Amino acid sequence: MVVLNKIYTKTGDAGDTALGNGARVAKHSTRVSAYGTVDELNATVGLCRLHAEGDTDAALSRIQNDLFDLGADLCRPEMEKDGEAGYPVLRMVPEQTARLEAEIDAMIARLEPLRSFILPAGSPLATQLHLSRTVARRAERLTVELATMESVNEAAVTYLNRLSDWFFCAARIANDEGRADVLWKPGENR
């Protein structure tokens, strides 16, 4: 259970922060950048939800919860031994990615194949979903970079990779099932 009685602690005033295991690291560390970008991504999903309804809003709600799980996973180094924390450490699991894949497959079944690249535009929801897609890609790049330096849960990386695909497909659905996608016209303004 999380209890937040005090919002500011002053413990990070010198430019460092605590990880989930209590270790202190620089706020500019790759690990902090990775889970900080996941937090930013979660905020962009909140913006998407301003325009979403029904099943899309429910899916975005599940994604927001997954992103908190992902942040918890990334803020706790994997090198700890099982049981060392004294409680179960929250890690992403392949089933979270499998759910995204099933949802992507269902969306793709509703869409005509692309014959051109599309611009991140269209309806307000589609545009916000495209923004989330790009932030998801940045979070993925930072997490992959972290994985070159430290052990990272593979399920976390896979989830981020699939999540950006989910946002892409959801943006097309939000653009009248792809009929209102804004197509890229190469060299049009030369």
C-alpha atoms as a PDB file:
ATOM      1  CA  MET A   1       0.000   0.000   0.000  1.00  0.00           C
ATOM      2  CA  VAL A   2       1.237   3.452  -0.869  1.00  0.00           C
ATOM      3  CA  VAL A   3       0.746   6.235   1.656  1.00  0.00           C
ATOM      4  CA  LEU A   4       1.736   9.767   0.665  1.00  0.00           C
ATOM      5  CA  ASN A   5       1.434  12.073   3.632  1.00  0.00           C
ATOM      6  CA  LYS A   6       4.028  14.523   2.397  1.00  0.00           C
ATOM      7  CA  ILE A   7       4.654  15.426  -1.235  1.00  0.00           C
ATOM      8  CA  TYR A   8       7.985  17.175  -0.916  1.00  0.00           C
ATOM      9  CA  THR A   9      10.813  15.530   0.991  1.00  0.00           C
ATOM     10  CA  LYS A  10      13.797  17.680  -0.037  1.00  0.00           C
ATOM     11  CA  THR A  11      15.837  14.461  -0.456  1.00  0.00           C
ATOM     12  CA  GLY A  12      16.285  15.122  -4.186  1.00  0.00           C
ATOM     13  CA  ASP A  13      17.408  18.721  -3.897  1.00  0.00           C
ATOM     14  CA  ALA A  14      21.023  17.751  -4.629  1.00  0.00           C
ATOM     15  CA  GLY A  15      20.114  16.134  -7.971  1.00  0.00           C
ATOM     16  CA  ASP A  16      19.672  12.522  -6.964  1.00  0.00           C
ATOM     17  CA  THR A  17      16.643  10.326  -6.325  1.00  0.00           C
ATOM     18  CA  ALA A  18      15.790   6.997  -4.734  1.00  0.00           C
ATOM     19  CA  LEU A  19      15.039   3.924  -6.802  1.00  0.00           C
ATOM     20  CA  GLY A  20      12.441   1.393  -5.740  1.00  0.00           C
ATOM     21  CA  ASN A  21      15.047  -0.520  -3.777  1.00  0.00           C
ATOM     22  CA  GLY A  22      16.210   2.582  -1.889  1.00  0.00           C
ATOM     23  CA  ALA A  23      19.477   3.017  -3.818  1.00  0.00           C
ATOM     24  CA  ARG A  24      20.197   6.632  -4.729  1.00  0.00           C
ATOM     25  CA  VAL A  25      21.100   7.585  -8.297  1.00  0.00           C
ATOM     26  CA  ALA A  26      21.481  10.786 -10.276  1.00  0.00           C
ATOM     27  CA  LYS A  27      18.197  12.155 -11.590  1.00  0.00           C
ATOM     28  CA  HIS A  28      19.750  12.229 -15.060  1.00  0.00           C
ATOM     29  CA  SER A  29      20.584   8.487 -15.005  1.00  0.00           C
ATOM     30  CA  THR A  30      19.314   6.390 -17.893  1.00  0.00           C
ATOM     31  CA  ARG A  31      17.117   4.376 -15.519  1.00  0.00           C
ATOM     32  CA  VAL A  32      15.401   7.508 -14.191  1.00  0.00           C
ATOM     33  CA  SER A  33      15.053   8.854 -17.747  1.00  0.00           C
ATOM     34  CA  ALA A  34      13.429   5.579 -18.831  1.00  0.00           C
ATOM     35  CA  TYR A  35      10.822   5.390 -16.083  1.00  0.00           C
ATOM     36  CA  GLY A  36      10.336   9.165 -16.154  1.00  0.00           C
ATOM     37  CA  THR A  37       9.458   8.913 -19.835  1.00  0.00           C
ATOM     38  CA  VAL A  38       7.013   6.103 -19.019  1.00  0.00           C
ATOM     39  CA  ASP A  39       5.395   8.532 -16.564  1.00  0.00           C
ATOM     40  CA  GLU A  40       5.253  11.186 -19.307  1.00  0.00           C
ATOM     41  CA  LEU A  41       3.687   8.602 -21.613  1.00  0.00           C
ATOM     42  CA  ASN A  42       1.042   7.874 -18.999  1.00  0.00           C
ATOM     43  CA  ALA A  43       0.161  11.580 -18.926  1.00  0.00           C
ATOM     44  CA  THR A  44      -0.249  11.604 -22.720  1.00  0.00           C
ATOM     45  CA  VAL A  45      -2.599   8.625 -22.410  1.00  0.00           C
ATOM     46  CA  GLY A  46      -4.630  10.703 -19.964  1.00  0.00           C
ATOM     47  CA  LEU A  47      -4.956  13.329 -22.712  1.00  0.00           C
ATOM     48  CA  CYS A  48      -6.132  10.629 -25.127  1.00  0.00           C
ATOM     49  CA  ARG A  49      -8.818   9.663 -22.667  1.00  0.00           C
ATOM     50  CA  LEU A  50     -10.302  13.172 -22.884  1.00  0.00           C
ATOM     51  CA  HIS A  51     -11.448  12.200 -26.396  1.00  0.00           C
ATOM     52  CA  ALA A  52     -12.049   8.451 -25.953  1.00  0.00           C
ATOM     53  CA  GLU A  53     -15.237   6.580 -25.162  1.00  0.00           C
ATOM     54  CA  GLY A  54     -16.394   3.027 -24.591  1.00  0.00           C
ATOM     55  CA  ASP A  55     -13.978   0.222 -25.405  1.00  0.00           C
ATOM     56  CA  THR A  56     -11.204   2.622 -26.391  1.00  0.00           C
ATOM     57  CA  ASP A  57     -11.389   4.443 -23.072  1.00  0.00           C
ATOM     58  CA  ALA A  58     -11.447   1.114 -21.214  1.00  0.00           C
ATOM     59  CA  ALA A  59      -8.356  -0.059 -23.125  1.00  0.00           C
ATOM     60  CA  LEU A  60      -6.569   3.216 -22.390  1.00  0.00           C
ATOM     61  CA  SER A  61      -7.441   2.829 -18.706  1.00  0.00           C
ATOM     62  CA  ARG A  62      -5.833  -0.645 -18.704  1.00  0.00           C
ATOM     63  CA  ILE A  63      -2.777   0.790 -20.459  1.00  0.00           C
ATOM     64  CA  GLN A  64      -2.443   3.538 -17.850  1.00  0.00           C
ATOM     65  CA  ASN A  65      -2.433   0.921 -15.103  1.00  0.00           C
ATOM     66  CA  ASP A  66       0.117  -1.158 -17.049  1.00  0.00           C
ATOM     67  CA  LEU A  67       2.316   1.931 -17.356  1.00  0.00           C
ATOM     68  CA  PHE A  68       2.368   2.294 -13.569  1.00  0.00           C
ATOM     69  CA  ASP A  69       3.384  -1.389 -13.392  1.00  0.00           C
ATOM     70  CA  LEU A  70       6.081  -0.672 -15.964  1.00  0.00           C
ATOM     71  CA  GLY A  71       7.386   2.317 -14.015  1.00  0.00           C
ATOM     72  CA  ALA A  72       7.510   0.185 -10.869  1.00  0.00           C
ATOM     73  CA  ASP A  73       9.436  -2.487 -12.783  1.00  0.00           C
ATOM     74  CA  LEU A  74      11.948  -0.025 -14.243  1.00  0.00           C
ATOM     75  CA  CYS A  75      12.565   1.844 -10.980  1.00  0.00           C
ATOM     76  CA  ARG A  76      13.736  -1.365  -9.300  1.00  0.00           C
ATOM     77  CA  PRO A  77      16.966  -2.904 -10.679  1.00  0.00           C
ATOM     78  CA  GLU A  78      16.646  -6.559 -11.659  1.00  0.00           C
ATOM     79  CA  MET A  79      19.914  -7.638 -10.065  1.00  0.00           C
ATOM     80  CA  GLU A  80      18.269  -8.113  -6.668  1.00  0.00           C
ATOM     81  CA  LYS A  81      17.825 -11.689  -5.518  1.00  0.00           C
ATOM     82  CA  ASP A  82      14.290 -13.077  -5.185  1.00  0.00           C
ATOM     83  CA  GLY A  83      12.874 -12.318  -1.773  1.00  0.00           C
ATOM     84  CA  GLU A  84      15.523  -9.694  -0.991  1.00  0.00           C
ATOM     85  CA  ALA A  85      12.908  -6.944  -0.962  1.00  0.00           C
ATOM     86  CA  GLY A  86      10.799  -8.715   1.656  1.00  0.00           C
ATOM     87  CA  TYR A  87       7.727  -8.542  -0.603  1.00  0.00           C
ATOM     88  CA  PRO A  88       6.909  -9.533  -4.197  1.00  0.00           C
ATOM     89  CA  VAL A  89       8.578  -7.108  -6.623  1.00  0.00           C
ATOM     90  CA  LEU A  90       6.205  -5.961  -9.368  1.00  0.00           C
ATOM     91  CA  ARG A  91       7.456  -6.923 -12.832  1.00  0.00           C
ATOM     92  CA  MET A  92       5.833  -6.766 -16.244  1.00  0.00           C
ATOM     93  CA  VAL A  93       4.684 -10.162 -17.519  1.00  0.00           C
ATOM     94  CA  PRO A  94       4.259 -11.473 -21.088  1.00  0.00           C
ATOM     95  CA  GLU A  95       0.473 -11.670 -20.629  1.00  0.00           C
ATOM     96  CA  GLN A  96       0.303  -7.865 -20.636  1.00  0.00           C
ATOM     97  CA  THR A  97       1.907  -7.805 -24.087  1.00  0.00           C
ATOM     98  CA  ALA A  98      -0.296 -10.683 -25.264  1.00  0.00           C
ATOM     99  CA  ARG A  99      -3.380  -8.605 -24.387  1.00  0.00           C
ATOM    100  CA  LEU A 100      -2.046  -5.721 -26.500  1.00  0.00           C
ATOM    101  CA  GLU A 101      -1.376  -8.101 -29.386  1.00  0.00           C
ATOM    102  CA  ALA A 102      -4.938  -9.449 -29.261  1.00  0.00           C
ATOM    103  CA  GLU A 103      -6.292  -5.894 -29.279  1.00  0.00           C
ATOM    104  CA  ILE A 104      -3.986  -4.932 -32.176  1.00  0.00           C
ATOM    105  CA  ASP A 105      -5.149  -7.971 -34.166  1.00  0.00           C
ATOM    106  CA  ALA A 106      -8.791  -6.981 -33.578  1.00  0.00           C
ATOM    107  CA  MET A 107      -8.090  -3.416 -34.755  1.00  0.00           C
ATOM    108  CA  ILE A 108      -6.167  -4.557 -37.836  1.00  0.00           C
ATOM    109  CA  ALA A 109      -9.130  -6.734 -38.831  1.00  0.00           C
ATOM    110  CA  ARG A 110     -11.212  -3.526 -39.080  1.00  0.00           C
ATOM    111  CA  LEU A 111      -8.661  -1.591 -41.195  1.00  0.00           C
ATOM    112  CA  GLU A 112      -7.795  -1.591 -44.870  1.00  0.00           C
ATOM    113  CA  PRO A 113      -4.076  -2.155 -45.510  1.00  0.00           C
ATOM    114  CA  LEU A 114      -1.987   1.001 -45.764  1.00  0.00           C
ATOM    115  CA  ARG A 115      -0.827   2.046 -49.224  1.00  0.00           C
ATOM    116  CA  SER A 116       1.053   5.129 -47.984  1.00  0.00           C
ATOM    117  CA  PHE A 117       2.636   6.406 -44.815  1.00  0.00           C
ATOM    118  CA  ILE A 118       0.274   8.520 -42.766  1.00  0.00           C
ATOM    119  CA  LEU A 119       0.835  11.797 -40.976  1.00  0.00           C
ATOM    120  CA  PRO A 120       0.155  12.100 -37.243  1.00  0.00           C
ATOM    121  CA  ALA A 121      -3.076  14.002 -37.782  1.00  0.00           C
ATOM    122  CA  GLY A 122      -6.818  13.634 -38.153  1.00  0.00           C
ATOM    123  CA  SER A 123      -9.296  13.568 -35.306  1.00  0.00           C
ATOM    124  CA  PRO A 124      -8.365  14.942 -31.873  1.00  0.00           C
ATOM    125  CA  LEU A 125      -8.177  11.388 -30.476  1.00  0.00           C
ATOM    126  CA  ALA A 126      -6.060  10.123 -33.384  1.00  0.00           C
ATOM    127  CA  THR A 127      -3.647  13.030 -33.019  1.00  0.00           C
ATOM    128  CA  GLN A 128      -3.259  12.408 -29.271  1.00  0.00           C
ATOM    129  CA  LEU A 129      -2.756   8.682 -29.892  1.00  0.00           C
ATOM    130  CA  HIS A 130       0.017   9.491 -32.367  1.00  0.00           C
ATOM    131  CA  LEU A 131       1.673  11.664 -29.718  1.00  0.00           C
ATOM    132  CA  SER A 132       1.469   8.754 -27.277  1.00  0.00           C
ATOM    133  CA  ARG A 133       2.983   6.499 -29.942  1.00  0.00           C
ATOM    134  CA  THR A 134       6.030   8.746 -30.280  1.00  0.00           C
ATOM    135  CA  VAL A 135       6.513   9.045 -26.511  1.00  0.00           C
ATOM    136  CA  ALA A 136       6.202   5.236 -26.247  1.00  0.00           C
ATOM    137  CA  ARG A 137       8.974   4.906 -28.838  1.00  0.00           C
ATOM    138  CA  ARG A 138      11.188   7.283 -26.832  1.00  0.00           C
ATOM    139  CA  ALA A 139      10.509   5.318 -23.640  1.00  0.00           C
ATOM    140  CA  GLU A 140      11.406   2.147 -25.527  1.00  0.00           C
ATOM    141  CA  ARG A 141      14.683   3.640 -26.821  1.00  0.00           C
ATOM    142  CA  LEU A 142      15.663   4.715 -23.297  1.00  0.00           C
ATOM    143  CA  THR A 143      14.745   1.315 -21.857  1.00  0.00           C
ATOM    144  CA  VAL A 144      16.760  -0.473 -24.549  1.00  0.00           C
ATOM    145  CA  GLU A 145      19.680   1.868 -23.819  1.00  0.00           C
ATOM    146  CA  LEU A 146      19.365   1.009 -20.119  1.00  0.00           C
ATOM    147  CA  ALA A 147      19.412  -2.693 -21.038  1.00  0.00           C
ATOM    148  CA  THR A 148      22.870  -2.215 -22.604  1.00  0.00           C
ATOM    149  CA  MET A 149      24.164  -1.116 -19.180  1.00  0.00           C
ATOM    150  CA  GLU A 150      22.079  -3.076 -16.679  1.00  0.00           C
ATOM    151  CA  SER A 151      19.711  -6.018 -16.566  1.00  0.00           C
ATOM    152  CA  VAL A 152      16.184  -5.066 -17.624  1.00  0.00           C
ATOM    153  CA  ASN A 153      13.089  -7.247 -17.662  1.00  0.00           C
ATOM    154  CA  GLU A 154      12.608  -8.369 -21.278  1.00  0.00           C
ATOM    155  CA  ALA A 155       8.830  -8.224 -20.820  1.00  0.00           C
ATOM    156  CA  ALA A 156       9.150  -4.472 -20.158  1.00  0.00           C
ATOM    157  CA  VAL A 157      10.947  -3.848 -23.458  1.00  0.00           C
ATOM    158  CA  THR A 158       8.535  -6.036 -25.420  1.00  0.00           C
ATOM    159  CA  TYR A 159       5.531  -4.300 -23.885  1.00  0.00           C
ATOM    160  CA  LEU A 160       6.806  -0.856 -24.916  1.00  0.00           C
ATOM    161  CA  ASN A 161       7.509  -2.062 -28.438  1.00  0.00           C
ATOM    162  CA  ARG A 162       4.029  -3.486 -28.825  1.00  0.00           C
ATOM    163  CA  LEU A 163       2.394  -0.505 -27.138  1.00  0.00           C
ATOM    164  CA  SER A 164       3.576   1.904 -29.822  1.00  0.00           C
ATOM    165  CA  ASP A 165       2.046  -0.425 -32.418  1.00  0.00           C
ATOM    166  CA  TRP A 166      -1.190  -0.401 -30.400  1.00  0.00           C
ATOM    167  CA  PHE A 167      -1.272   3.412 -30.440  1.00  0.00           C
ATOM    168  CA  PHE A 168      -0.678   3.448 -34.202  1.00  0.00           C
ATOM    169  CA  CYS A 169      -3.582   1.086 -34.870  1.00  0.00           C
ATOM    170  CA  ALA A 170      -5.840   2.861 -32.379  1.00  0.00           C
ATOM    171  CA  ALA A 171      -5.082   6.197 -34.095  1.00  0.00           C
ATOM    172  CA  ARG A 172      -6.191   4.717 -37.412  1.00  0.00           C
ATOM    173  CA  ILE A 173      -9.394   3.403 -35.798  1.00  0.00           C
ATOM    174  CA  ALA A 174     -10.001   6.885 -34.354  1.00  0.00           C
ATOM    175  CA  ASN A 175      -9.660   8.296 -37.876  1.00  0.00           C
ATOM    176  CA  ASP A 176     -12.896   6.634 -39.034  1.00  0.00           C
ATOM    177  CA  GLU A 177     -11.239   3.226 -39.221  1.00  0.00           C
ATOM    178  CA  GLY A 178      -8.477   4.629 -41.434  1.00  0.00           C
ATOM    179  CA  ARG A 179     -10.788   6.370 -43.912  1.00  0.00           C
ATOM    180  CA  ALA A 180      -9.855   9.793 -42.474  1.00  0.00           C
ATOM    181  CA  ASP A 181      -6.109   9.092 -42.178  1.00  0.00           C
ATOM    182  CA  VAL A 182      -4.010  11.958 -43.502  1.00  0.00           C
ATOM    183  CA  LEU A 183      -1.687  10.508 -46.123  1.00  0.00           C
ATOM    184  CA  TRP A 184       1.899  11.590 -46.656  1.00  0.00           C
ATOM    185  CA  LYS A 185       2.455  12.969 -50.156  1.00  0.00           C
ATOM    186  CA  PRO A 186       6.214  12.648 -50.814  1.00  0.00           C
ATOM    187  CA  GLY A 187       7.762  15.792 -52.274  1.00  0.00           C
ATOM    188  CA  GLU A 188       4.410  17.562 -52.555  1.00  0.00           C
ATOM    189  CA  ASN A 189       5.777  20.941 -51.460  1.00  0.00           C
ATOM    190  CA  ARG A 190       8.996  21.055 -53.479  1.00  0.00           C
END
